[in-house]
Protein backbone atom coordinates (compact mmCIF):
# COMPACT_ATOMS: atom_id res chain seq x y z
CA MET A 1 31.99 -10.33 34.47
CA LEU A 2 28.43 -11.68 35.38
CA ALA A 3 27.83 -15.47 36.02
CA LEU A 4 27.18 -17.36 32.80
CA PRO A 5 26.74 -21.05 33.62
CA ASP A 6 26.28 -23.79 30.94
CA ALA A 7 22.54 -23.78 31.75
CA ALA A 8 22.27 -20.07 30.69
CA ILE A 9 23.45 -20.66 27.08
CA LEU A 10 21.08 -21.77 24.51
CA LEU A 11 22.72 -22.19 20.93
CA GLY A 12 21.05 -22.48 17.74
CA ARG A 13 17.34 -22.12 19.09
CA THR A 14 14.37 -21.32 16.94
CA ALA A 15 11.80 -18.29 18.01
CA ALA A 16 8.82 -17.46 16.00
CA ASP A 17 9.23 -13.72 16.79
CA TRP A 18 11.12 -11.21 19.07
CA ARG A 19 8.78 -12.33 21.99
CA GLY A 20 9.84 -15.96 21.74
CA ALA A 21 13.32 -14.84 21.38
CA VAL A 22 13.07 -12.67 24.64
CA LEU A 23 11.25 -15.48 26.27
CA LEU A 24 14.14 -18.01 25.51
CA ALA A 25 16.71 -15.63 27.19
CA GLY A 26 14.25 -15.72 30.18
CA GLU A 27 14.09 -19.34 30.27
CA ALA A 28 17.77 -19.53 30.37
CA LEU A 29 18.19 -17.28 33.22
CA GLN A 30 15.47 -19.30 35.08
CA ALA A 31 17.38 -22.73 34.26
CA ALA A 32 20.41 -21.16 35.69
CA GLY A 33 18.66 -20.27 39.00
CA PHE A 34 18.94 -16.41 38.42
CA VAL A 35 15.40 -15.54 38.03
CA GLN A 36 11.74 -16.92 38.73
CA GLN A 37 9.47 -17.62 35.57
CA SER A 38 7.92 -14.41 35.72
CA TYR A 39 10.96 -12.55 34.75
CA GLY A 40 10.67 -13.68 31.20
CA ALA A 41 7.21 -11.81 30.89
CA ARG A 42 8.73 -8.83 32.20
CA MET A 43 11.50 -8.50 29.95
CA VAL A 44 8.79 -8.67 27.12
CA GLY A 45 7.00 -6.16 28.75
CA MET A 46 9.85 -3.75 28.78
CA VAL A 47 9.87 -4.01 24.99
CA GLU A 48 6.07 -3.55 24.60
CA GLU A 49 6.45 -0.49 26.59
CA PHE A 50 9.44 1.17 25.50
CA GLY A 51 10.09 -0.44 22.06
CA ALA A 52 13.13 -1.90 20.55
CA TYR A 53 15.88 0.09 22.47
CA ILE A 54 17.19 -3.28 23.63
CA VAL A 55 18.55 -4.02 20.15
CA ILE A 56 21.88 -2.52 20.83
CA ALA A 57 23.87 -3.45 17.94
CA PRO A 58 23.33 -4.94 14.48
CA GLY A 59 22.01 -8.42 15.30
CA LEU A 60 22.30 -8.10 19.08
CA ALA A 61 19.48 -7.59 21.73
CA LEU A 62 20.01 -7.22 25.43
CA ALA A 63 16.81 -8.43 27.10
CA HIS A 64 16.41 -7.18 30.68
CA ALA A 65 13.91 -5.89 33.29
CA ARG A 66 14.24 -3.90 36.26
CA PRO A 67 15.50 -5.47 39.47
CA GLY A 68 12.56 -7.16 41.34
CA PRO A 69 11.48 -10.04 43.75
CA ASP A 70 11.61 -12.50 40.75
CA VAL A 71 15.31 -12.05 40.43
CA LEU A 72 17.13 -14.47 42.76
CA ALA A 73 20.79 -13.53 41.82
CA SER A 74 22.73 -11.53 39.13
CA GLY A 75 23.69 -13.37 35.89
CA MET A 76 23.15 -13.37 32.40
CA SER A 77 22.13 -15.59 29.65
CA VAL A 78 23.26 -16.05 25.88
CA VAL A 79 20.75 -17.25 23.16
CA THR A 80 21.94 -17.67 19.50
CA LEU A 81 19.17 -18.07 17.00
CA ALA A 82 19.07 -20.56 14.06
CA GLU A 83 17.05 -17.99 12.05
CA PRO A 84 17.04 -14.23 13.14
CA VAL A 85 13.95 -12.32 14.19
CA VAL A 86 12.80 -8.80 13.68
CA PHE A 87 12.35 -6.54 16.77
CA GLY A 88 11.29 -3.55 14.83
CA HIS A 89 14.68 -1.48 15.41
CA PRO A 90 15.18 0.94 12.49
CA TYR A 91 18.79 -0.01 11.94
CA ASN A 92 19.96 -3.15 14.00
CA ASP A 93 17.41 -5.60 12.96
CA PRO A 94 17.13 -8.69 12.41
CA VAL A 95 18.47 -10.07 15.61
CA SER A 96 20.21 -13.41 16.05
CA ILE A 97 21.92 -13.23 19.48
CA VAL A 98 19.99 -12.38 22.65
CA LEU A 99 21.60 -11.66 25.66
CA GLY A 100 19.47 -11.95 28.97
CA LEU A 101 20.55 -9.91 32.01
CA ALA A 102 19.15 -10.20 35.50
CA VAL A 103 20.53 -8.18 38.44
CA ILE A 104 19.57 -7.46 41.96
CA THR A 105 20.31 -3.79 42.17
CA ALA A 106 20.22 -0.83 39.96
CA ASP A 107 24.06 -0.32 40.46
CA GLU A 108 24.62 -3.66 39.06
CA HIS A 109 22.58 -3.15 36.18
CA VAL A 110 24.78 -0.21 35.10
CA ALA A 111 27.92 -2.28 35.98
CA GLY A 112 26.56 -5.10 33.85
CA ILE A 113 25.86 -3.02 30.99
CA ALA A 114 29.38 -1.33 31.26
CA GLU A 115 31.07 -4.96 31.25
CA LEU A 116 29.02 -5.86 28.23
CA ALA A 117 29.76 -2.70 26.26
CA ASN A 118 33.60 -3.53 26.93
CA VAL A 119 33.27 -7.06 25.50
CA PHE A 120 31.40 -5.63 22.26
CA ASN A 121 34.09 -2.91 21.81
CA ASP A 122 35.90 -5.75 20.14
CA PRO A 123 34.41 -5.90 16.67
CA ALA A 124 35.09 -9.52 16.10
CA ALA A 125 32.91 -10.43 19.52
CA LEU A 126 29.60 -10.53 17.71
CA GLY A 127 30.94 -12.95 15.06
CA ARG A 128 32.54 -15.25 17.57
CA LEU A 129 29.53 -15.47 19.47
CA GLY A 130 27.22 -16.13 16.48
CA ALA A 131 29.61 -18.91 15.52
CA ALA A 132 29.90 -20.37 19.04
CA ARG A 133 29.21 -24.17 19.17
CA SER A 134 29.78 -24.80 22.84
CA ALA A 135 29.13 -23.04 26.16
CA ALA A 136 32.84 -22.78 26.44
CA ASP A 137 32.98 -20.91 23.00
CA VAL A 138 30.47 -18.59 24.39
CA ARG A 139 32.22 -17.86 27.56
CA ALA A 140 35.55 -17.23 25.74
CA VAL A 141 33.93 -14.42 24.23
CA PHE A 142 33.29 -12.82 27.57
CA GLU A 143 36.68 -13.31 28.99
CA VAL A 144 38.32 -9.87 29.93
CA PRO A 145 42.07 -9.83 29.57
CA GLY A 146 43.91 -9.57 32.77
CA VAL A 147 41.06 -10.77 34.74
CA SER A 148 40.84 -14.38 36.04
């Protein structure tokens, strides 16, 4: 599973809109040392260009951008929002959990998405993530059975 240090986890945050929510995910990635500041704006640009495709399940967005020189290491961030925000997705709005994904290579992007898909195959995962009160609670959601 992708690295998820305490610095990359922001719980109960407030965002005025989807841009603010995506930028929080970028700030968490930056705080963990995965990306430079410009990455958050690139993630916003992806949504501006391609729409709300990053809203991958009811209440869940996966913010990301293509690999680039502002990605220092592969990792992820988790942001839970005190109040959900609308991204403009026809079925999965509003969003209360934003995952940030930063990867060095396209292959890591595909692998990271696959790992996250496996986590969210568990129907309880979203609820557990939304109820998380600590970094340890968040990390427990991403534990894969049989992998240490």
